[in-house]
Amino acid sequence: MIIVLSRKVRNILLMIILVAIMAIVMVNAKYILTTIYPFHYRDMVEKYAEKYDVDPYLVAAIIRNESRFNPRAISHREARGLMQIAPVTGDWAAEMLKIKNFTYEDLYEPELNIRIGIWYITVLDKEFKSNLQFMVAAYNAGNGNVTKWIKNPEYSSTGDYLDVIPFPETRNYVRKVFRDYERYQMIYGEQNSLQLIKHLVQEPTIF
């Protein structure tokens, strides 16, 4: 026997189903969000973020985009580890931080890599006077390139903001880091989970 439901009953059933789904999502929201945006090595990040006065959520966003939290990651330019430290930066950091017996293999060690990466962020912070856009762009493209772009009115009309980032890779990198920085603040800070879910729905995550 086929039971035909009225439109009103169907709407009520649909509403009940939607409410049930939303309840399930809310109960599991924290797990879902922290799975999409993990914060591995959080203790180490917070340790050195506090030491060098850097926002740990910015560091998490950079690590997510640099290595996806893979400590053995290596780029085609030989950058290594969680924060993708280039050998030349590793040599410089080892000298400035007085790291003894430093080798490039050490860059795969999570704590040392995080320490150097956060230290380097402070270097960029000082060089670019805490301009976050410049800092993040320089982390990817190098401080020399960003300095040139700032001085070029074709790329920066005011010298305070990059209207155009000429490297597509860096342009995309800055966008993703800024997006993830905001989301790490929302997930691991005091942000309401429902608000974040709405934010993620409006702007789908790029994996």
N, C-alpha and C. Protein backbone atom coordinates (compact mmCIF):
# COMPACT_ATOMS: atom_id res chain seq x y z
N MET A 1 0.85 -1.19 0.00
CA MET A 1 0.00 0.00 0.00
C MET A 1 0.88 1.24 0.00
N ILE A 2 0.60 2.17 -0.88
CA ILE A 2 1.38 3.40 -0.98
C ILE A 2 0.73 4.47 -0.12
N ILE A 3 1.52 5.06 0.76
CA ILE A 3 1.02 6.12 1.63
C ILE A 3 1.42 7.46 1.03
N VAL A 4 0.48 8.30 0.73
CA VAL A 4 0.75 9.62 0.17
C VAL A 4 0.67 10.65 1.29
N LEU A 5 1.78 11.32 1.50
CA LEU A 5 1.84 12.32 2.56
C LEU A 5 1.47 13.69 2.01
N SER A 6 0.81 14.46 2.82
CA SER A 6 0.47 15.81 2.41
C SER A 6 1.73 16.68 2.39
N ARG A 7 1.67 17.78 1.68
CA ARG A 7 2.82 18.69 1.62
C ARG A 7 3.22 19.17 3.01
N LYS A 8 2.23 19.44 3.86
CA LYS A 8 2.51 19.93 5.20
C LYS A 8 3.28 18.89 6.01
N VAL A 9 2.85 17.62 5.92
CA VAL A 9 3.53 16.55 6.65
C VAL A 9 4.96 16.36 6.12
N ARG A 10 5.10 16.41 4.78
CA ARG A 10 6.43 16.26 4.19
C ARG A 10 7.37 17.36 4.67
N ASN A 11 6.85 18.58 4.75
CA ASN A 11 7.67 19.71 5.21
C ASN A 11 8.09 19.53 6.67
N ILE A 12 7.16 19.02 7.47
CA ILE A 12 7.47 18.78 8.89
C ILE A 12 8.55 17.71 9.02
N LEU A 13 8.42 16.62 8.26
CA LEU A 13 9.42 15.55 8.31
C LEU A 13 10.78 16.05 7.84
N LEU A 14 10.76 16.86 6.78
CA LEU A 14 12.01 17.42 6.28
C LEU A 14 12.67 18.30 7.33
N MET A 15 11.87 19.10 8.02
CA MET A 15 12.41 19.98 9.07
C MET A 15 13.01 19.15 10.20
N ILE A 16 12.33 18.07 10.58
CA ILE A 16 12.83 17.19 11.64
C ILE A 16 14.18 16.59 11.24
N ILE A 17 14.27 16.15 9.99
CA ILE A 17 15.52 15.56 9.49
C ILE A 17 16.64 16.60 9.51
N LEU A 18 16.34 17.82 9.05
CA LEU A 18 17.35 18.89 9.02
C LEU A 18 17.83 19.24 10.42
N VAL A 19 16.90 19.30 11.37
CA VAL A 19 17.25 19.61 12.76
C VAL A 19 18.13 18.50 13.33
N ALA A 20 17.80 17.25 13.01
CA ALA A 20 18.59 16.12 13.50
C ALA A 20 20.01 16.16 12.92
N ILE A 21 20.10 16.47 11.63
CA ILE A 21 21.42 16.57 10.99
C ILE A 21 22.23 17.69 11.63
N MET A 22 21.60 18.84 11.85
CA MET A 22 22.30 19.97 12.46
C MET A 22 22.77 19.62 13.87
N ALA A 23 21.94 18.88 14.61
CA ALA A 23 22.33 18.48 15.97
C ALA A 23 23.55 17.57 15.94
N ILE A 24 23.56 16.64 14.98
CA ILE A 24 24.72 15.74 14.85
C ILE A 24 25.98 16.53 14.51
N VAL A 25 25.84 17.48 13.57
CA VAL A 25 26.98 18.29 13.17
C VAL A 25 27.51 19.10 14.35
N MET A 26 26.61 19.70 15.12
CA MET A 26 27.04 20.52 16.25
C MET A 26 27.76 19.69 17.30
N VAL A 27 27.25 18.49 17.57
CA VAL A 27 27.87 17.63 18.57
C VAL A 27 29.29 17.24 18.14
N ASN A 28 29.45 17.03 16.82
CA ASN A 28 30.73 16.57 16.30
C ASN A 28 31.54 17.69 15.65
N ALA A 29 31.09 18.93 15.80
CA ALA A 29 31.72 20.04 15.10
C ALA A 29 33.20 20.18 15.41
N LYS A 30 33.52 20.10 16.70
CA LYS A 30 34.91 20.30 17.09
C LYS A 30 35.81 19.23 16.47
N TYR A 31 35.33 17.99 16.48
CA TYR A 31 36.11 16.90 15.89
C TYR A 31 36.27 17.10 14.40
N ILE A 32 35.19 17.48 13.73
CA ILE A 32 35.23 17.67 12.28
C ILE A 32 36.21 18.79 11.92
N LEU A 33 36.09 19.90 12.63
CA LEU A 33 36.91 21.07 12.30
C LEU A 33 38.38 20.85 12.62
N THR A 34 38.67 20.20 13.73
CA THR A 34 40.07 19.94 14.06
C THR A 34 40.68 18.86 13.18
N THR A 35 39.83 18.04 12.55
CA THR A 35 40.33 17.07 11.58
C THR A 35 40.72 17.77 10.29
N ILE A 36 39.90 18.72 9.87
CA ILE A 36 40.20 19.48 8.66
C ILE A 36 41.39 20.40 8.89
N TYR A 37 41.43 21.00 10.06
CA TYR A 37 42.51 21.93 10.42
C TYR A 37 43.22 21.43 11.68
N PRO A 38 44.08 20.46 11.55
CA PRO A 38 44.79 19.94 12.73
C PRO A 38 45.83 20.95 13.23
N PHE A 39 46.21 20.78 14.46
CA PHE A 39 47.26 21.64 15.04
C PHE A 39 48.27 20.72 15.71
N HIS A 40 48.95 19.93 14.88
CA HIS A 40 49.99 19.05 15.39
C HIS A 40 51.17 19.89 15.90
N TYR A 41 51.91 19.32 16.84
CA TYR A 41 53.09 20.00 17.41
C TYR A 41 52.69 21.32 18.10
N ARG A 42 51.48 21.37 18.60
CA ARG A 42 50.98 22.61 19.19
C ARG A 42 51.83 23.07 20.37
N ASP A 43 52.24 22.14 21.21
CA ASP A 43 53.05 22.52 22.38
C ASP A 43 54.34 23.21 21.94
N MET A 44 54.99 22.66 20.94
CA MET A 44 56.23 23.24 20.44
C MET A 44 55.99 24.62 19.82
N VAL A 45 54.93 24.72 19.04
CA VAL A 45 54.60 25.99 18.40
C VAL A 45 54.34 27.06 19.46
N GLU A 46 53.53 26.71 20.46
CA GLU A 46 53.20 27.69 21.49
C GLU A 46 54.42 28.06 22.33
N LYS A 47 55.29 27.11 22.54
CA LYS A 47 56.52 27.38 23.30
C LYS A 47 57.35 28.46 22.64
N TYR A 48 57.61 28.31 21.35
CA TYR A 48 58.46 29.27 20.66
C TYR A 48 57.70 30.51 20.21
N ALA A 49 56.40 30.38 20.01
CA ALA A 49 55.59 31.55 19.70
C ALA A 49 55.59 32.51 20.88
N GLU A 50 55.53 31.96 22.08
CA GLU A 50 55.60 32.80 23.27
C GLU A 50 57.00 33.41 23.42
N LYS A 51 58.01 32.59 23.18
CA LYS A 51 59.40 33.06 23.31
C LYS A 51 59.70 34.23 22.38
N TYR A 52 59.20 34.13 21.15
CA TYR A 52 59.51 35.16 20.15
C TYR A 52 58.35 36.11 19.88
N ASP A 53 57.29 36.01 20.67
CA ASP A 53 56.14 36.91 20.58
C ASP A 53 55.50 36.87 19.18
N VAL A 54 55.12 35.68 18.76
CA VAL A 54 54.46 35.46 17.46
C VAL A 54 53.13 34.75 17.73
N ASP A 55 52.12 35.08 16.96
CA ASP A 55 50.82 34.43 17.13
C ASP A 55 50.92 32.96 16.70
N PRO A 56 50.65 32.02 17.60
CA PRO A 56 50.78 30.60 17.25
C PRO A 56 49.82 30.16 16.14
N TYR A 57 48.68 30.86 16.00
CA TYR A 57 47.74 30.50 14.95
C TYR A 57 48.27 30.88 13.57
N LEU A 58 49.05 31.95 13.51
CA LEU A 58 49.72 32.30 12.26
C LEU A 58 50.73 31.22 11.89
N VAL A 59 51.46 30.75 12.88
CA VAL A 59 52.45 29.69 12.65
C VAL A 59 51.75 28.43 12.15
N ALA A 60 50.64 28.07 12.78
CA ALA A 60 49.89 26.88 12.36
C ALA A 60 49.43 27.01 10.91
N ALA A 61 48.97 28.20 10.53
CA ALA A 61 48.52 28.43 9.15
C ALA A 61 49.67 28.30 8.17
N ILE A 62 50.82 28.79 8.55
CA ILE A 62 52.00 28.68 7.68
C ILE A 62 52.42 27.22 7.54
N ILE A 63 52.46 26.49 8.65
CA ILE A 63 52.85 25.08 8.59
C ILE A 63 51.88 24.29 7.72
N ARG A 64 50.59 24.55 7.89
CA ARG A 64 49.59 23.82 7.09
C ARG A 64 49.84 23.99 5.60
N ASN A 65 50.19 25.21 5.20
CA ASN A 65 50.40 25.48 3.79
C ASN A 65 51.79 25.12 3.30
N GLU A 66 52.76 25.08 4.21
CA GLU A 66 54.12 24.74 3.80
C GLU A 66 54.32 23.23 3.68
N SER A 67 53.79 22.48 4.63
CA SER A 67 54.13 21.05 4.69
C SER A 67 52.98 20.13 5.04
N ARG A 68 51.81 20.70 5.32
CA ARG A 68 50.69 19.88 5.81
C ARG A 68 51.10 19.09 7.05
N PHE A 69 51.96 19.70 7.88
CA PHE A 69 52.42 19.12 9.13
C PHE A 69 53.25 17.84 8.92
N ASN A 70 53.88 17.74 7.79
CA ASN A 70 54.77 16.61 7.51
C ASN A 70 56.21 17.01 7.83
N PRO A 71 56.81 16.47 8.88
CA PRO A 71 58.16 16.89 9.28
C PRO A 71 59.24 16.47 8.30
N ARG A 72 58.93 15.53 7.40
CA ARG A 72 59.91 15.06 6.42
C ARG A 72 59.71 15.71 5.04
N ALA A 73 58.86 16.71 4.97
CA ALA A 73 58.61 17.37 3.69
C ALA A 73 59.87 18.05 3.17
N ILE A 74 60.03 18.01 1.85
CA ILE A 74 61.14 18.70 1.20
C ILE A 74 60.65 19.24 -0.14
N SER A 75 61.03 20.46 -0.46
CA SER A 75 60.57 21.09 -1.69
C SER A 75 61.59 20.91 -2.80
N HIS A 76 61.20 21.31 -4.00
CA HIS A 76 62.12 21.22 -5.13
C HIS A 76 63.30 22.19 -4.97
N ARG A 77 63.16 23.14 -4.03
CA ARG A 77 64.25 24.08 -3.75
C ARG A 77 65.06 23.66 -2.51
N GLU A 78 64.80 22.44 -2.06
CA GLU A 78 65.53 21.86 -0.93
C GLU A 78 65.13 22.42 0.43
N ALA A 79 64.03 23.17 0.48
CA ALA A 79 63.52 23.61 1.78
C ALA A 79 63.00 22.38 2.52
N ARG A 80 63.23 22.35 3.82
CA ARG A 80 62.99 21.13 4.58
C ARG A 80 62.07 21.34 5.79
N GLY A 81 61.37 20.25 6.12
CA GLY A 81 60.66 20.17 7.39
C GLY A 81 59.32 20.89 7.44
N LEU A 82 58.79 20.98 8.64
CA LEU A 82 57.46 21.50 8.88
C LEU A 82 57.25 22.90 8.32
N MET A 83 58.23 23.79 8.54
CA MET A 83 58.09 25.17 8.10
C MET A 83 58.92 25.45 6.86
N GLN A 84 59.38 24.38 6.21
CA GLN A 84 60.11 24.47 4.95
C GLN A 84 61.24 25.50 5.01
N ILE A 85 62.21 25.19 5.86
CA ILE A 85 63.37 26.05 6.04
C ILE A 85 64.40 25.76 4.96
N ALA A 86 64.78 26.79 4.22
CA ALA A 86 65.80 26.63 3.19
C ALA A 86 67.17 26.46 3.85
N PRO A 87 68.09 25.73 3.22
CA PRO A 87 69.42 25.54 3.80
C PRO A 87 70.12 26.85 4.16
N VAL A 88 70.01 27.85 3.30
CA VAL A 88 70.68 29.13 3.58
C VAL A 88 70.09 29.79 4.83
N THR A 89 68.77 29.67 5.01
CA THR A 89 68.13 30.21 6.22
C THR A 89 68.54 29.40 7.43
N GLY A 90 68.66 28.08 7.26
CA GLY A 90 69.12 27.24 8.35
C GLY A 90 70.52 27.61 8.80
N ASP A 91 71.43 27.84 7.86
CA ASP A 91 72.80 28.24 8.19
C ASP A 91 72.80 29.56 8.96
N TRP A 92 72.03 30.51 8.47
CA TRP A 92 71.95 31.82 9.11
C TRP A 92 71.37 31.71 10.52
N ALA A 93 70.27 30.97 10.65
CA ALA A 93 69.65 30.80 11.95
C ALA A 93 70.58 30.10 12.93
N ALA A 94 71.29 29.07 12.44
CA ALA A 94 72.22 28.33 13.31
C ALA A 94 73.29 29.27 13.87
N GLU A 95 73.74 30.19 13.04
CA GLU A 95 74.76 31.15 13.50
C GLU A 95 74.17 32.13 14.49
N MET A 96 72.99 32.68 14.17
CA MET A 96 72.38 33.70 15.03
C MET A 96 71.87 33.12 16.35
N LEU A 97 71.38 31.88 16.30
CA LEU A 97 70.81 31.26 17.50
C LEU A 97 71.83 30.37 18.23
N LYS A 98 73.04 30.35 17.68
CA LYS A 98 74.13 29.58 18.30
C LYS A 98 73.78 28.10 18.45
N ILE A 99 73.30 27.53 17.35
CA ILE A 99 72.97 26.11 17.32
C ILE A 99 74.22 25.35 16.93
N LYS A 100 74.70 24.53 17.82
CA LYS A 100 75.97 23.84 17.60
C LYS A 100 75.80 22.61 16.71
N ASN A 101 76.83 22.34 15.93
CA ASN A 101 76.90 21.14 15.08
C ASN A 101 75.69 21.01 14.16
N PHE A 102 75.24 22.13 13.64
CA PHE A 102 74.06 22.14 12.78
C PHE A 102 74.33 21.47 11.44
N THR A 103 73.39 20.62 11.00
CA THR A 103 73.42 20.04 9.66
C THR A 103 72.04 20.21 9.04
N TYR A 104 71.96 20.11 7.73
CA TYR A 104 70.67 20.26 7.06
C TYR A 104 69.69 19.16 7.45
N GLU A 105 70.22 18.01 7.83
CA GLU A 105 69.35 16.92 8.28
C GLU A 105 68.60 17.33 9.55
N ASP A 106 69.18 18.24 10.34
CA ASP A 106 68.54 18.69 11.57
C ASP A 106 67.22 19.42 11.28
N LEU A 107 67.07 19.94 10.06
CA LEU A 107 65.86 20.68 9.73
C LEU A 107 64.62 19.79 9.68
N TYR A 108 64.82 18.50 9.67
CA TYR A 108 63.69 17.57 9.72
C TYR A 108 63.21 17.34 11.15
N GLU A 109 63.98 17.81 12.11
CA GLU A 109 63.61 17.64 13.52
C GLU A 109 62.56 18.70 13.86
N PRO A 110 61.34 18.30 14.26
CA PRO A 110 60.24 19.26 14.41
C PRO A 110 60.53 20.46 15.30
N GLU A 111 61.10 20.22 16.49
CA GLU A 111 61.27 21.35 17.40
C GLU A 111 62.27 22.37 16.86
N LEU A 112 63.36 21.91 16.31
CA LEU A 112 64.35 22.84 15.76
C LEU A 112 63.78 23.58 14.55
N ASN A 113 63.07 22.86 13.71
CA ASN A 113 62.47 23.49 12.54
C ASN A 113 61.49 24.58 12.94
N ILE A 114 60.65 24.27 13.92
CA ILE A 114 59.67 25.26 14.39
C ILE A 114 60.37 26.45 15.01
N ARG A 115 61.41 26.18 15.80
CA ARG A 115 62.16 27.29 16.43
C ARG A 115 62.74 28.23 15.37
N ILE A 116 63.38 27.65 14.35
CA ILE A 116 63.98 28.48 13.30
C ILE A 116 62.89 29.21 12.50
N GLY A 117 61.81 28.51 12.18
CA GLY A 117 60.74 29.13 11.41
C GLY A 117 60.13 30.31 12.13
N ILE A 118 59.87 30.17 13.42
CA ILE A 118 59.27 31.26 14.19
C ILE A 118 60.27 32.40 14.35
N TRP A 119 61.53 32.06 14.58
CA TRP A 119 62.57 33.10 14.64
C TRP A 119 62.60 33.89 13.33
N TYR A 120 62.50 33.19 12.21
CA TYR A 120 62.54 33.86 10.91
C TYR A 120 61.33 34.77 10.72
N ILE A 121 60.19 34.37 11.24
CA ILE A 121 59.00 35.24 11.18
C ILE A 121 59.28 36.55 11.90
N THR A 122 59.98 36.48 13.04
CA THR A 122 60.30 37.72 13.77
C THR A 122 61.26 38.60 12.97
N VAL A 123 62.14 37.97 12.22
CA VAL A 123 63.06 38.73 11.36
C VAL A 123 62.25 39.50 10.31
N LEU A 124 61.29 38.81 9.70
CA LEU A 124 60.45 39.44 8.69
C LEU A 124 59.55 40.51 9.32
N ASP A 125 59.07 40.24 10.53
CA ASP A 125 58.23 41.19 11.25
C ASP A 125 58.98 42.50 11.45
N LYS A 126 60.23 42.40 11.84
CA LYS A 126 61.05 43.60 12.07
C LYS A 126 61.34 44.30 10.74
N GLU A 127 61.71 43.53 9.73
CA GLU A 127 62.07 44.12 8.43
C GLU A 127 60.90 44.86 7.79
N PHE A 128 59.70 44.26 7.90
CA PHE A 128 58.53 44.85 7.24
C PHE A 128 57.59 45.55 8.21
N LYS A 129 58.11 45.89 9.38
CA LYS A 129 57.38 46.70 10.35
C LYS A 129 55.99 46.14 10.67
N SER A 130 55.95 44.84 10.88
CA SER A 130 54.74 44.12 11.30
C SER A 130 53.62 44.13 10.26
N ASN A 131 53.95 44.43 9.01
CA ASN A 131 52.95 44.35 7.94
C ASN A 131 52.77 42.88 7.58
N LEU A 132 51.63 42.33 7.96
CA LEU A 132 51.42 40.89 7.85
C LEU A 132 51.42 40.43 6.39
N GLN A 133 50.85 41.21 5.51
CA GLN A 133 50.83 40.82 4.09
C GLN A 133 52.25 40.71 3.55
N PHE A 134 53.08 41.69 3.85
CA PHE A 134 54.47 41.66 3.39
C PHE A 134 55.22 40.47 3.98
N MET A 135 54.99 40.23 5.27
CA MET A 135 55.68 39.14 5.95
C MET A 135 55.36 37.79 5.35
N VAL A 136 54.07 37.53 5.14
CA VAL A 136 53.65 36.24 4.61
C VAL A 136 54.14 36.08 3.17
N ALA A 137 54.04 37.14 2.39
CA ALA A 137 54.54 37.09 1.01
C ALA A 137 56.04 36.81 1.00
N ALA A 138 56.79 37.45 1.91
CA ALA A 138 58.24 37.27 1.97
C ALA A 138 58.61 35.87 2.43
N TYR A 139 57.78 35.28 3.28
CA TYR A 139 58.06 33.92 3.74
C TYR A 139 58.06 32.96 2.55
N ASN A 140 57.23 33.25 1.57
CA ASN A 140 57.13 32.39 0.39
C ASN A 140 58.08 32.80 -0.74
N ALA A 141 58.13 34.10 -1.03
CA ALA A 141 58.86 34.57 -2.21
C ALA A 141 60.24 35.13 -1.90
N GLY A 142 60.52 35.35 -0.61
CA GLY A 142 61.80 35.94 -0.23
C GLY A 142 61.66 37.42 0.02
N ASN A 143 62.39 37.92 1.01
CA ASN A 143 62.27 39.33 1.38
C ASN A 143 62.76 40.26 0.27
N GLY A 144 63.74 39.81 -0.53
CA GLY A 144 64.24 40.65 -1.61
C GLY A 144 63.18 40.95 -2.65
N ASN A 145 62.42 39.93 -3.03
CA ASN A 145 61.36 40.14 -4.01
C ASN A 145 60.28 41.07 -3.48
N VAL A 146 59.90 40.87 -2.24
CA VAL A 146 58.83 41.70 -1.66
C VAL A 146 59.28 43.15 -1.55
N THR A 147 60.53 43.37 -1.18
CA THR A 147 61.06 44.73 -1.10
C THR A 147 61.00 45.42 -2.46
N LYS A 148 61.31 44.69 -3.52
CA LYS A 148 61.22 45.24 -4.88
C LYS A 148 59.78 45.57 -5.24
N TRP A 149 58.87 44.68 -4.89
CA TRP A 149 57.46 44.91 -5.23
C TRP A 149 56.91 46.14 -4.52
N ILE A 150 57.31 46.32 -3.25
CA ILE A 150 56.83 47.47 -2.47
C ILE A 150 57.25 48.78 -3.13
N LYS A 151 58.44 48.80 -3.70
CA LYS A 151 58.99 50.02 -4.30
C LYS A 151 58.48 50.26 -5.72
N ASN A 152 57.77 49.28 -6.26
CA ASN A 152 57.28 49.38 -7.63
C ASN A 152 55.81 49.80 -7.62
N PRO A 153 55.48 51.01 -8.10
CA PRO A 153 54.08 51.47 -8.09
C PRO A 153 53.14 50.60 -8.91
N GLU A 154 53.70 49.78 -9.78
CA GLU A 154 52.87 48.85 -10.55
C GLU A 154 52.26 47.78 -9.64
N TYR A 155 52.97 47.49 -8.55
CA TYR A 155 52.52 46.45 -7.62
C TYR A 155 52.01 47.02 -6.29
N SER A 156 52.52 48.17 -5.91
CA SER A 156 52.11 48.78 -4.64
C SER A 156 51.94 50.29 -4.83
N SER A 157 50.71 50.75 -4.86
CA SER A 157 50.45 52.17 -5.14
C SER A 157 50.80 53.07 -3.96
N THR A 158 50.76 52.50 -2.74
CA THR A 158 50.99 53.30 -1.54
C THR A 158 52.28 52.95 -0.80
N GLY A 159 52.81 51.76 -1.07
CA GLY A 159 53.97 51.30 -0.32
C GLY A 159 53.61 50.64 0.99
N ASP A 160 52.31 50.62 1.29
CA ASP A 160 51.83 50.01 2.53
C ASP A 160 51.07 48.71 2.29
N TYR A 161 50.82 48.42 1.01
CA TYR A 161 50.02 47.25 0.67
C TYR A 161 50.37 46.82 -0.75
N LEU A 162 50.41 45.51 -0.97
CA LEU A 162 50.65 45.00 -2.32
C LEU A 162 49.32 44.87 -3.04
N ASP A 163 49.08 45.77 -3.96
CA ASP A 163 47.85 45.70 -4.76
C ASP A 163 47.90 44.50 -5.70
N VAL A 164 49.10 44.19 -6.15
CA VAL A 164 49.32 43.06 -7.05
C VAL A 164 50.53 42.28 -6.55
N ILE A 165 50.38 40.98 -6.43
CA ILE A 165 51.50 40.10 -6.13
C ILE A 165 51.82 39.37 -7.43
N PRO A 166 52.93 39.70 -8.08
CA PRO A 166 53.18 39.21 -9.44
C PRO A 166 53.42 37.71 -9.57
N PHE A 167 53.87 37.06 -8.49
CA PHE A 167 54.08 35.62 -8.55
C PHE A 167 52.76 34.91 -8.24
N PRO A 168 52.19 34.17 -9.17
CA PRO A 168 50.93 33.46 -8.89
C PRO A 168 51.02 32.55 -7.67
N GLU A 169 52.15 31.84 -7.53
CA GLU A 169 52.30 30.95 -6.38
C GLU A 169 52.22 31.72 -5.08
N THR A 170 52.91 32.87 -5.02
CA THR A 170 52.91 33.67 -3.80
C THR A 170 51.56 34.31 -3.55
N ARG A 171 50.92 34.76 -4.62
CA ARG A 171 49.58 35.35 -4.49
C ARG A 171 48.61 34.34 -3.89
N ASN A 172 48.64 33.12 -4.36
CA ASN A 172 47.77 32.06 -3.86
C ASN A 172 48.16 31.68 -2.44
N TYR A 173 49.46 31.66 -2.16
CA TYR A 173 49.97 31.30 -0.84
C TYR A 173 49.48 32.31 0.21
N VAL A 174 49.60 33.58 -0.09
CA VAL A 174 49.17 34.62 0.86
C VAL A 174 47.68 34.48 1.14
N ARG A 175 46.90 34.27 0.10
CA ARG A 175 45.45 34.11 0.27
C ARG A 175 45.14 32.93 1.19
N LYS A 176 45.79 31.81 0.95
CA LYS A 176 45.52 30.61 1.74
C LYS A 176 45.98 30.77 3.19
N VAL A 177 47.14 31.37 3.40
CA VAL A 177 47.63 31.55 4.77
C VAL A 177 46.71 32.48 5.54
N PHE A 178 46.27 33.57 4.92
CA PHE A 178 45.35 34.48 5.60
C PHE A 178 44.04 33.77 5.93
N ARG A 179 43.53 32.99 4.97
CA ARG A 179 42.30 32.24 5.20
C ARG A 179 42.46 31.27 6.37
N ASP A 180 43.56 30.52 6.36
CA ASP A 180 43.77 29.51 7.40
C ASP A 180 44.10 30.14 8.75
N TYR A 181 44.78 31.26 8.73
CA TYR A 181 45.08 32.00 9.97
C TYR A 181 43.77 32.35 10.67
N GLU A 182 42.82 32.87 9.90
CA GLU A 182 41.52 33.22 10.47
C GLU A 182 40.82 31.98 11.02
N ARG A 183 40.90 30.89 10.29
CA ARG A 183 40.20 29.68 10.72
C ARG A 183 40.84 29.03 11.93
N TYR A 184 42.15 29.07 12.02
CA TYR A 184 42.79 28.54 13.23
C TYR A 184 42.40 29.37 14.45
N GLN A 185 42.31 30.67 14.28
CA GLN A 185 41.86 31.51 15.39
C GLN A 185 40.44 31.12 15.80
N MET A 186 39.59 30.88 14.82
CA MET A 186 38.20 30.55 15.10
C MET A 186 38.05 29.17 15.72
N ILE A 187 38.80 28.20 15.22
CA ILE A 187 38.67 26.82 15.70
C ILE A 187 39.27 26.64 17.09
N TYR A 188 40.47 27.16 17.27
CA TYR A 188 41.19 26.91 18.52
C TYR A 188 41.07 28.05 19.53
N GLY A 189 40.40 29.12 19.10
CA GLY A 189 40.14 30.21 20.03
C GLY A 189 38.77 30.03 20.66
N GLU A 190 38.07 31.12 20.83
CA GLU A 190 36.78 31.07 21.51
C GLU A 190 35.61 31.19 20.54
N GLN A 191 35.88 31.01 19.24
CA GLN A 191 34.81 31.20 18.26
C GLN A 191 33.73 30.13 18.39
N ASN A 192 32.48 30.55 18.20
CA ASN A 192 31.35 29.63 18.22
C ASN A 192 31.43 28.69 17.02
N SER A 193 31.28 27.39 17.24
CA SER A 193 31.42 26.40 16.19
C SER A 193 30.41 26.60 15.06
N LEU A 194 29.19 27.00 15.40
CA LEU A 194 28.17 27.20 14.39
C LEU A 194 28.55 28.33 13.44
N GLN A 195 29.13 29.40 13.99
CA GLN A 195 29.56 30.51 13.16
C GLN A 195 30.65 30.06 12.19
N LEU A 196 31.55 29.24 12.67
CA LEU A 196 32.62 28.75 11.80
C LEU A 196 32.09 27.84 10.72
N ILE A 197 31.13 26.98 11.07
CA ILE A 197 30.54 26.09 10.07
C ILE A 197 29.89 26.92 8.96
N LYS A 198 29.18 27.98 9.34
CA LYS A 198 28.57 28.86 8.35
C LYS A 198 29.64 29.49 7.47
N HIS A 199 30.76 29.87 8.08
CA HIS A 199 31.87 30.48 7.34
C HIS A 199 32.45 29.49 6.34
N LEU A 200 32.61 28.25 6.76
CA LEU A 200 33.18 27.23 5.88
C LEU A 200 32.23 26.91 4.72
N VAL A 201 30.93 26.95 5.00
CA VAL A 201 29.95 26.68 3.95
C VAL A 201 29.96 27.80 2.91
N GLN A 202 30.09 29.04 3.39
CA GLN A 202 30.11 30.18 2.49
C GLN A 202 31.38 30.21 1.63
N GLU A 203 32.50 29.77 2.22
CA GLU A 203 33.77 29.76 1.49
C GLU A 203 34.36 28.37 1.62
N PRO A 204 34.07 27.46 0.70
CA PRO A 204 34.51 26.07 0.81
C PRO A 204 36.02 25.95 1.00
N THR A 205 36.41 24.98 1.83
CA THR A 205 37.82 24.74 2.10
C THR A 205 38.52 24.24 0.86
N ILE A 206 39.73 24.76 0.61
CA ILE A 206 40.56 24.29 -0.48
C ILE A 206 41.61 23.37 0.10
N PHE A 207 41.59 22.10 -0.27
CA PHE A 207 42.52 21.14 0.29
C PHE A 207 43.78 21.07 -0.56
